[in-house]
Amino acid sequence: MESDISDLVKKGDQLIIDGDFEKALSFFEQAVIMQPNNPSLLNKKGIALRGLGRYDEALECFNKSLQLDPRDLDAS
């Protein structure tokens, strides 16, 4: 399962770099379903949402990420 999440994140990260936020979001959403309390995954989902201009949803992801790990230096 950990390798599945890693694969999803790698694909999502590459899609973010390519500017395809919609597809990246789908990969990050799949990863979050597998680990809903993973702050890093929530942050990545938030980045994809922000790239789509879905700022309220992105903010929810960032806030939940920080609630789970207030020391999360990657939270945007």
PDB file of N, CA and C in Angstrom:
ATOM      1  N   MET A   1       0.827  -1.190   0.000  1.00  0.00           N
ATOM      2  CA  MET A   1       0.000   0.000   0.000  1.00  0.00           C
ATOM      3  C   MET A   1       0.876   1.260   0.000  1.00  0.00           C
ATOM      4  N   GLU A   2       1.961   1.225   0.747  1.00  0.00           N
ATOM      5  CA  GLU A   2       2.860   2.383   0.800  1.00  0.00           C
ATOM      6  C   GLU A   2       3.441   2.696  -0.576  1.00  0.00           C
ATOM      7  N   SER A   3       3.778   1.636  -1.337  1.00  0.00           N
ATOM      8  CA  SER A   3       4.318   1.868  -2.679  1.00  0.00           C
ATOM      9  C   SER A   3       3.238   2.407  -3.611  1.00  0.00           C
ATOM     10  N   ASP A   4       1.975   2.004  -3.379  1.00  0.00           N
ATOM     11  CA  ASP A   4       0.868   2.540  -4.176  1.00  0.00           C
ATOM     12  C   ASP A   4       0.751   4.046  -3.967  1.00  0.00           C
ATOM     13  N   ILE A   5       0.816   4.460  -2.712  1.00  0.00           N
ATOM     14  CA  ILE A   5       0.730   5.886  -2.392  1.00  0.00           C
ATOM     15  C   ILE A   5       1.921   6.625  -2.994  1.00  0.00           C
ATOM     16  N   SER A   6       3.096   6.030  -2.878  1.00  0.00           N
ATOM     17  CA  SER A   6       4.295   6.651  -3.437  1.00  0.00           C
ATOM     18  C   SER A   6       4.158   6.848  -4.940  1.00  0.00           C
ATOM     19  N   ASP A   7       3.619   5.857  -5.627  1.00  0.00           N
ATOM     20  CA  ASP A   7       3.414   5.976  -7.073  1.00  0.00           C
ATOM     21  C   ASP A   7       2.413   7.080  -7.407  1.00  0.00           C
ATOM     22  N   LEU A   8       1.327   7.142  -6.637  1.00  0.00           N
ATOM     23  CA  LEU A   8       0.323   8.186  -6.863  1.00  0.00           C
ATOM     24  C   LEU A   8       0.926   9.574  -6.669  1.00  0.00           C
ATOM     25  N   VAL A   9       1.730   9.713  -5.618  1.00  0.00           N
ATOM     26  CA  VAL A   9       2.349  11.009  -5.323  1.00  0.00           C
ATOM     27  C   VAL A   9       3.340  11.399  -6.417  1.00  0.00           C
ATOM     28  N   LYS A  10       4.149  10.441  -6.869  1.00  0.00           N
ATOM     29  CA  LYS A  10       5.114  10.745  -7.944  1.00  0.00           C
ATOM     30  C   LYS A  10       4.396  11.220  -9.197  1.00  0.00           C
ATOM     31  N   LYS A  11       3.325  10.523  -9.559  1.00  0.00           N
ATOM     32  CA  LYS A  11       2.570  10.921 -10.752  1.00  0.00           C
ATOM     33  C   LYS A  11       1.933  12.298 -10.554  1.00  0.00           C
ATOM     34  N   GLY A  12       1.339  12.503  -9.370  1.00  0.00           N
ATOM     35  CA  GLY A  12       0.718  13.788  -9.078  1.00  0.00           C
ATOM     36  C   GLY A  12       1.725  14.923  -9.084  1.00  0.00           C
ATOM     37  N   ASP A  13       2.891  14.681  -8.483  1.00  0.00           N
ATOM     38  CA  ASP A  13       3.938  15.712  -8.459  1.00  0.00           C
ATOM     39  C   ASP A  13       4.373  16.092  -9.870  1.00  0.00           C
ATOM     40  N   GLN A  14       4.535  15.101 -10.733  1.00  0.00           N
ATOM     41  CA  GLN A  14       4.945  15.382 -12.113  1.00  0.00           C
ATOM     42  C   GLN A  14       3.871  16.175 -12.847  1.00  0.00           C
ATOM     43  N   LEU A  15       2.620  15.838 -12.595  1.00  0.00           N
ATOM     44  CA  LEU A  15       1.524  16.565 -13.240  1.00  0.00           C
ATOM     45  C   LEU A  15       1.459  18.016 -12.754  1.00  0.00           C
ATOM     46  N   ILE A  16       1.787  18.244 -11.485  1.00  0.00           N
ATOM     47  CA  ILE A  16       1.852  19.623 -10.969  1.00  0.00           C
ATOM     48  C   ILE A  16       2.936  20.385 -11.736  1.00  0.00           C
ATOM     49  N   ILE A  17       4.093  19.762 -11.892  1.00  0.00           N
ATOM     50  CA  ILE A  17       5.192  20.389 -12.633  1.00  0.00           C
ATOM     51  C   ILE A  17       4.757  20.700 -14.071  1.00  0.00           C
ATOM     52  N   ASP A  18       3.996  19.773 -14.658  1.00  0.00           N
ATOM     53  CA  ASP A  18       3.520  19.952 -16.035  1.00  0.00           C
ATOM     54  C   ASP A  18       2.363  20.950 -16.132  1.00  0.00           C
ATOM     55  N   GLY A  19       1.822  21.348 -14.983  1.00  0.00           N
ATOM     56  CA  GLY A  19       0.719  22.303 -14.977  1.00  0.00           C
ATOM     57  C   GLY A  19      -0.646  21.683 -15.160  1.00  0.00           C
ATOM     58  N   ASP A  20      -0.742  20.352 -15.071  1.00  0.00           N
ATOM     59  CA  ASP A  20      -2.031  19.668 -15.223  1.00  0.00           C
ATOM     60  C   ASP A  20      -2.611  19.410 -13.829  1.00  0.00           C
ATOM     61  N   PHE A  21      -3.172  20.469 -13.243  1.00  0.00           N
ATOM     62  CA  PHE A  21      -3.650  20.401 -11.867  1.00  0.00           C
ATOM     63  C   PHE A  21      -4.857  19.482 -11.706  1.00  0.00           C
ATOM     64  N   GLU A  22      -5.686  19.405 -12.726  1.00  0.00           N
ATOM     65  CA  GLU A  22      -6.884  18.556 -12.660  1.00  0.00           C
ATOM     66  C   GLU A  22      -6.492  17.085 -12.505  1.00  0.00           C
ATOM     67  N   LYS A  23      -5.588  16.616 -13.351  1.00  0.00           N
ATOM     68  CA  LYS A  23      -5.146  15.225 -13.248  1.00  0.00           C
ATOM     69  C   LYS A  23      -4.353  14.996 -11.967  1.00  0.00           C
ATOM     70  N   ALA A  24      -3.523  15.961 -11.583  1.00  0.00           N
ATOM     71  CA  ALA A  24      -2.750  15.839 -10.343  1.00  0.00           C
ATOM     72  C   ALA A  24      -3.696  15.678  -9.164  1.00  0.00           C
ATOM     73  N   LEU A  25      -4.769  16.456  -9.155  1.00  0.00           N
ATOM     74  CA  LEU A  25      -5.739  16.381  -8.070  1.00  0.00           C
ATOM     75  C   LEU A  25      -6.312  14.973  -7.951  1.00  0.00           C
ATOM     76  N   SER A  26      -6.603  14.330  -9.062  1.00  0.00           N
ATOM     77  CA  SER A  26      -7.178  12.985  -8.999  1.00  0.00           C
ATOM     78  C   SER A  26      -6.205  11.995  -8.350  1.00  0.00           C
ATOM     79  N   PHE A  27      -4.919  12.129  -8.644  1.00  0.00           N
ATOM     80  CA  PHE A  27      -3.928  11.241  -8.020  1.00  0.00           C
ATOM     81  C   PHE A  27      -3.809  11.519  -6.519  1.00  0.00           C
ATOM     82  N   PHE A  28      -3.786  12.789  -6.144  1.00  0.00           N
ATOM     83  CA  PHE A  28      -3.670  13.129  -4.729  1.00  0.00           C
ATOM     84  C   PHE A  28      -4.929  12.742  -3.959  1.00  0.00           C
ATOM     85  N   GLU A  29      -6.096  12.867  -4.593  1.00  0.00           N
ATOM     86  CA  GLU A  29      -7.336  12.448  -3.930  1.00  0.00           C
ATOM     87  C   GLU A  29      -7.325  10.945  -3.652  1.00  0.00           C
ATOM     88  N   GLN A  30      -6.813  10.163  -4.608  1.00  0.00           N
ATOM     89  CA  GLN A  30      -6.710   8.720  -4.387  1.00  0.00           C
ATOM     90  C   GLN A  30      -5.790   8.413  -3.211  1.00  0.00           C
ATOM     91  N   ALA A  31      -4.676   9.135  -3.125  1.00  0.00           N
ATOM     92  CA  ALA A  31      -3.724   8.924  -2.031  1.00  0.00           C
ATOM     93  C   ALA A  31      -4.348   9.310  -0.695  1.00  0.00           C
ATOM     94  N   VAL A  32      -5.104  10.416  -0.668  1.00  0.00           N
ATOM     95  CA  VAL A  32      -5.742  10.861   0.575  1.00  0.00           C
ATOM     96  C   VAL A  32      -6.796   9.861   1.029  1.00  0.00           C
ATOM     97  N   ILE A  33      -7.476   9.226   0.100  1.00  0.00           N
ATOM     98  CA  ILE A  33      -8.449   8.190   0.471  1.00  0.00           C
ATOM     99  C   ILE A  33      -7.741   7.054   1.209  1.00  0.00           C
ATOM    100  N   MET A  34      -6.542   6.725   0.781  1.00  0.00           N
ATOM    101  CA  MET A  34      -5.779   5.638   1.402  1.00  0.00           C
ATOM    102  C   MET A  34      -5.201   6.043   2.763  1.00  0.00           C
ATOM    103  N   GLN A  35      -4.828   7.328   2.895  1.00  0.00           N
ATOM    104  CA  GLN A  35      -4.263   7.839   4.148  1.00  0.00           C
ATOM    105  C   GLN A  35      -4.861   9.215   4.436  1.00  0.00           C
ATOM    106  N   PRO A  36      -6.091   9.251   4.953  1.00  0.00           N
ATOM    107  CA  PRO A  36      -6.796  10.527   5.122  1.00  0.00           C
ATOM    108  C   PRO A  36      -6.174  11.464   6.157  1.00  0.00           C
ATOM    109  N   ASN A  37      -5.337  10.957   7.027  1.00  0.00           N
ATOM    110  CA  ASN A  37      -4.735  11.805   8.057  1.00  0.00           C
ATOM    111  C   ASN A  37      -3.255  12.054   7.818  1.00  0.00           C
ATOM    112  N   ASN A  38      -2.845  12.000   6.563  1.00  0.00           N
ATOM    113  CA  ASN A  38      -1.457  12.258   6.203  1.00  0.00           C
ATOM    114  C   ASN A  38      -1.332  13.736   5.810  1.00  0.00           C
ATOM    115  N   PRO A  39      -0.662  14.551   6.654  1.00  0.00           N
ATOM    116  CA  PRO A  39      -0.584  15.982   6.363  1.00  0.00           C
ATOM    117  C   PRO A  39       0.080  16.305   5.026  1.00  0.00           C
ATOM    118  N   SER A  40       1.079  15.544   4.647  1.00  0.00           N
ATOM    119  CA  SER A  40       1.772  15.793   3.387  1.00  0.00           C
ATOM    120  C   SER A  40       0.844  15.599   2.193  1.00  0.00           C
ATOM    121  N   LEU A  41       0.040  14.550   2.246  1.00  0.00           N
ATOM    122  CA  LEU A  41      -0.898  14.287   1.149  1.00  0.00           C
ATOM    123  C   LEU A  41      -1.970  15.367   1.074  1.00  0.00           C
ATOM    124  N   LEU A  42      -2.445  15.805   2.226  1.00  0.00           N
ATOM    125  CA  LEU A  42      -3.438  16.882   2.245  1.00  0.00           C
ATOM    126  C   LEU A  42      -2.848  18.167   1.681  1.00  0.00           C
ATOM    127  N   ASN A  43      -1.600  18.418   1.991  1.00  0.00           N
ATOM    128  CA  ASN A  43      -0.933  19.607   1.465  1.00  0.00           C
ATOM    129  C   ASN A  43      -0.812  19.535  -0.058  1.00  0.00           C
ATOM    130  N   LYS A  44      -0.441  18.375  -0.576  1.00  0.00           N
ATOM    131  CA  LYS A  44      -0.319  18.216  -2.026  1.00  0.00           C
ATOM    132  C   LYS A  44      -1.670  18.387  -2.717  1.00  0.00           C
ATOM    133  N   LYS A  45      -2.706  17.831  -2.102  1.00  0.00           N
ATOM    134  CA  LYS A  45      -4.055  18.018  -2.640  1.00  0.00           C
ATOM    135  C   LYS A  45      -4.402  19.506  -2.651  1.00  0.00           C
ATOM    136  N   GLY A  46      -4.052  20.206  -1.582  1.00  0.00           N
ATOM    137  CA  GLY A  46      -4.307  21.640  -1.506  1.00  0.00           C
ATOM    138  C   GLY A  46      -3.584  22.417  -2.590  1.00  0.00           C
ATOM    139  N   ILE A  47      -2.366  22.007  -2.892  1.00  0.00           N
ATOM    140  CA  ILE A  47      -1.598  22.679  -3.950  1.00  0.00           C
ATOM    141  C   ILE A  47      -2.297  22.508  -5.303  1.00  0.00           C
ATOM    142  N   ALA A  48      -2.791  21.306  -5.571  1.00  0.00           N
ATOM    143  CA  ALA A  48      -3.504  21.058  -6.827  1.00  0.00           C
ATOM    144  C   ALA A  48      -4.788  21.895  -6.885  1.00  0.00           C
ATOM    145  N   LEU A  49      -5.515  21.926  -5.769  1.00  0.00           N
ATOM    146  CA  LEU A  49      -6.744  22.728  -5.728  1.00  0.00           C
ATOM    147  C   LEU A  49      -6.447  24.211  -5.927  1.00  0.00           C
ATOM    148  N   ARG A  50      -5.384  24.684  -5.310  1.00  0.00           N
ATOM    149  CA  ARG A  50      -4.997  26.097  -5.470  1.00  0.00           C
ATOM    150  C   ARG A  50      -4.670  26.385  -6.936  1.00  0.00           C
ATOM    151  N   GLY A  51      -4.000  25.445  -7.595  1.00  0.00           N
ATOM    152  CA  GLY A  51      -3.668  25.605  -9.006  1.00  0.00           C
ATOM    153  C   GLY A  51      -4.898  25.679  -9.894  1.00  0.00           C
ATOM    154  N   LEU A  52      -5.995  25.093  -9.427  1.00  0.00           N
ATOM    155  CA  LEU A  52      -7.257  25.136 -10.171  1.00  0.00           C
ATOM    156  C   LEU A  52      -8.106  26.351  -9.797  1.00  0.00           C
ATOM    157  N   GLY A  53      -7.589  27.164  -8.876  1.00  0.00           N
ATOM    158  CA  GLY A  53      -8.349  28.327  -8.446  1.00  0.00           C
ATOM    159  C   GLY A  53      -9.444  28.002  -7.447  1.00  0.00           C
ATOM    160  N   ARG A  54      -9.411  26.795  -6.887  1.00  0.00           N
ATOM    161  CA  ARG A  54     -10.411  26.370  -5.894  1.00  0.00           C
ATOM    162  C   ARG A  54      -9.847  26.670  -4.496  1.00  0.00           C
ATOM    163  N   TYR A  55      -9.785  27.958  -4.200  1.00  0.00           N
ATOM    164  CA  TYR A  55      -9.047  28.435  -3.031  1.00  0.00           C
ATOM    165  C   TYR A  55      -9.664  28.015  -1.699  1.00  0.00           C
ATOM    166  N   ASP A  56     -10.981  28.015  -1.602  1.00  0.00           N
ATOM    167  CA  ASP A  56     -11.612  27.619  -0.338  1.00  0.00           C
ATOM    168  C   ASP A  56     -11.306  26.163  -0.008  1.00  0.00           C
ATOM    169  N   GLU A  57     -11.395  25.299  -1.009  1.00  0.00           N
ATOM    170  CA  GLU A  57     -11.091  23.884  -0.794  1.00  0.00           C
ATOM    171  C   GLU A  57      -9.609  23.682  -0.473  1.00  0.00           C
ATOM    172  N   ALA A  58      -8.763  24.440  -1.160  1.00  0.00           N
ATOM    173  CA  ALA A  58      -7.324  24.358  -0.899  1.00  0.00           C
ATOM    174  C   ALA A  58      -7.028  24.752   0.541  1.00  0.00           C
ATOM    175  N   LEU A  59      -7.657  25.842   0.985  1.00  0.00           N
ATOM    176  CA  LEU A  59      -7.445  26.316   2.347  1.00  0.00           C
ATOM    177  C   LEU A  59      -7.883  25.265   3.371  1.00  0.00           C
ATOM    178  N   GLU A  60      -8.981  24.576   3.092  1.00  0.00           N
ATOM    179  CA  GLU A  60      -9.428  23.500   3.982  1.00  0.00           C
ATOM    180  C   GLU A  60      -8.354  22.412   4.094  1.00  0.00           C
ATOM    181  N   CYS A  61      -7.767  22.042   2.972  1.00  0.00           N
ATOM    182  CA  CYS A  61      -6.713  21.024   2.989  1.00  0.00           C
ATOM    183  C   CYS A  61      -5.498  21.501   3.779  1.00  0.00           C
ATOM    184  N   PHE A  62      -5.085  22.740   3.539  1.00  0.00           N
ATOM    185  CA  PHE A  62      -3.917  23.279   4.244  1.00  0.00           C
ATOM    186  C   PHE A  62      -4.178  23.356   5.745  1.00  0.00           C
ATOM    187  N   ASN A  63      -5.383  23.792   6.115  1.00  0.00           N
ATOM    188  CA  ASN A  63      -5.722  23.904   7.537  1.00  0.00           C
ATOM    189  C   ASN A  63      -5.762  22.538   8.210  1.00  0.00           C
ATOM    190  N   LYS A  64      -6.346  21.543   7.522  1.00  0.00           N
ATOM    191  CA  LYS A  64      -6.384  20.198   8.099  1.00  0.00           C
ATOM    192  C   LYS A  64      -4.969  19.642   8.239  1.00  0.00           C
ATOM    193  N   SER A  65      -4.122  19.905   7.248  1.00  0.00           N
ATOM    194  CA  SER A  65      -2.734  19.469   7.311  1.00  0.00           C
ATOM    195  C   SER A  65      -2.051  20.045   8.549  1.00  0.00           C
ATOM    196  N   LEU A  66      -2.278  21.331   8.799  1.00  0.00           N
ATOM    197  CA  LEU A  66      -1.664  21.984   9.958  1.00  0.00           C
ATOM    198  C   LEU A  66      -2.272  21.515  11.276  1.00  0.00           C
ATOM    199  N   GLN A  67      -3.544  21.160  11.274  1.00  0.00           N
ATOM    200  CA  GLN A  67      -4.167  20.614  12.483  1.00  0.00           C
ATOM    201  C   GLN A  67      -3.532  19.272  12.840  1.00  0.00           C
ATOM    202  N   LEU A  68      -3.262  18.471  11.825  1.00  0.00           N
ATOM    203  CA  LEU A  68      -2.673  17.150  12.054  1.00  0.00           C
ATOM    204  C   LEU A  68      -1.214  17.250  12.465  1.00  0.00           C
ATOM    205  N   ASP A  69      -0.509  18.232  11.897  1.00  0.00           N
ATOM    206  CA  ASP A  69       0.908  18.420  12.222  1.00  0.00           C
ATOM    207  C   ASP A  69       1.220  19.912  12.193  1.00  0.00           C
ATOM    208  N   PRO A  70       1.081  20.571  13.337  1.00  0.00           N
ATOM    209  CA  PRO A  70       1.325  22.019  13.381  1.00  0.00           C
ATOM    210  C   PRO A  70       2.744  22.413  12.991  1.00  0.00           C
ATOM    211  N   ARG A  71       3.672  21.482  12.990  1.00  0.00           N
ATOM    212  CA  ARG A  71       5.056  21.774  12.633  1.00  0.00           C
ATOM    213  C   ARG A  71       5.309  21.524  11.157  1.00  0.00           C
ATOM    214  N   ASP A  72       4.261  21.211  10.392  1.00  0.00           N
ATOM    215  CA  ASP A  72       4.399  20.880   8.980  1.00  0.00           C
ATOM    216  C   ASP A  72       4.940  22.084   8.209  1.00  0.00           C
ATOM    217  N   LEU A  73       6.223  22.061   7.918  1.00  0.00           N
ATOM    218  CA  LEU A  73       6.870  23.180   7.245  1.00  0.00           C
ATOM    219  C   LEU A  73       6.482  23.283   5.774  1.00  0.00           C
ATOM    220  N   ASP A  74       5.882  22.210   5.217  1.00  0.00           N
ATOM    221  CA  ASP A  74       5.501  22.228   3.810  1.00  0.00           C
ATOM    222  C   ASP A  74       4.110  22.797   3.582  1.00  0.00           C
ATOM    223  N   ALA A  75       3.345  22.966   4.649  1.00  0.00           N
ATOM    224  CA  ALA A  75       1.984  23.465   4.472  1.00  0.00           C
ATOM    225  C   ALA A  75       2.038  24.846   3.847  1.00  0.00           C
ATOM    226  N   SER A  76       1.297  24.997   2.782  1.00  0.00           N
ATOM    227  CA  SER A  76       1.373  26.244   2.021  1.00  0.00           C
ATOM    228  C   SER A  76       0.547  27.310   2.684  1.00  0.00           C
TER     229      SER A  76
END
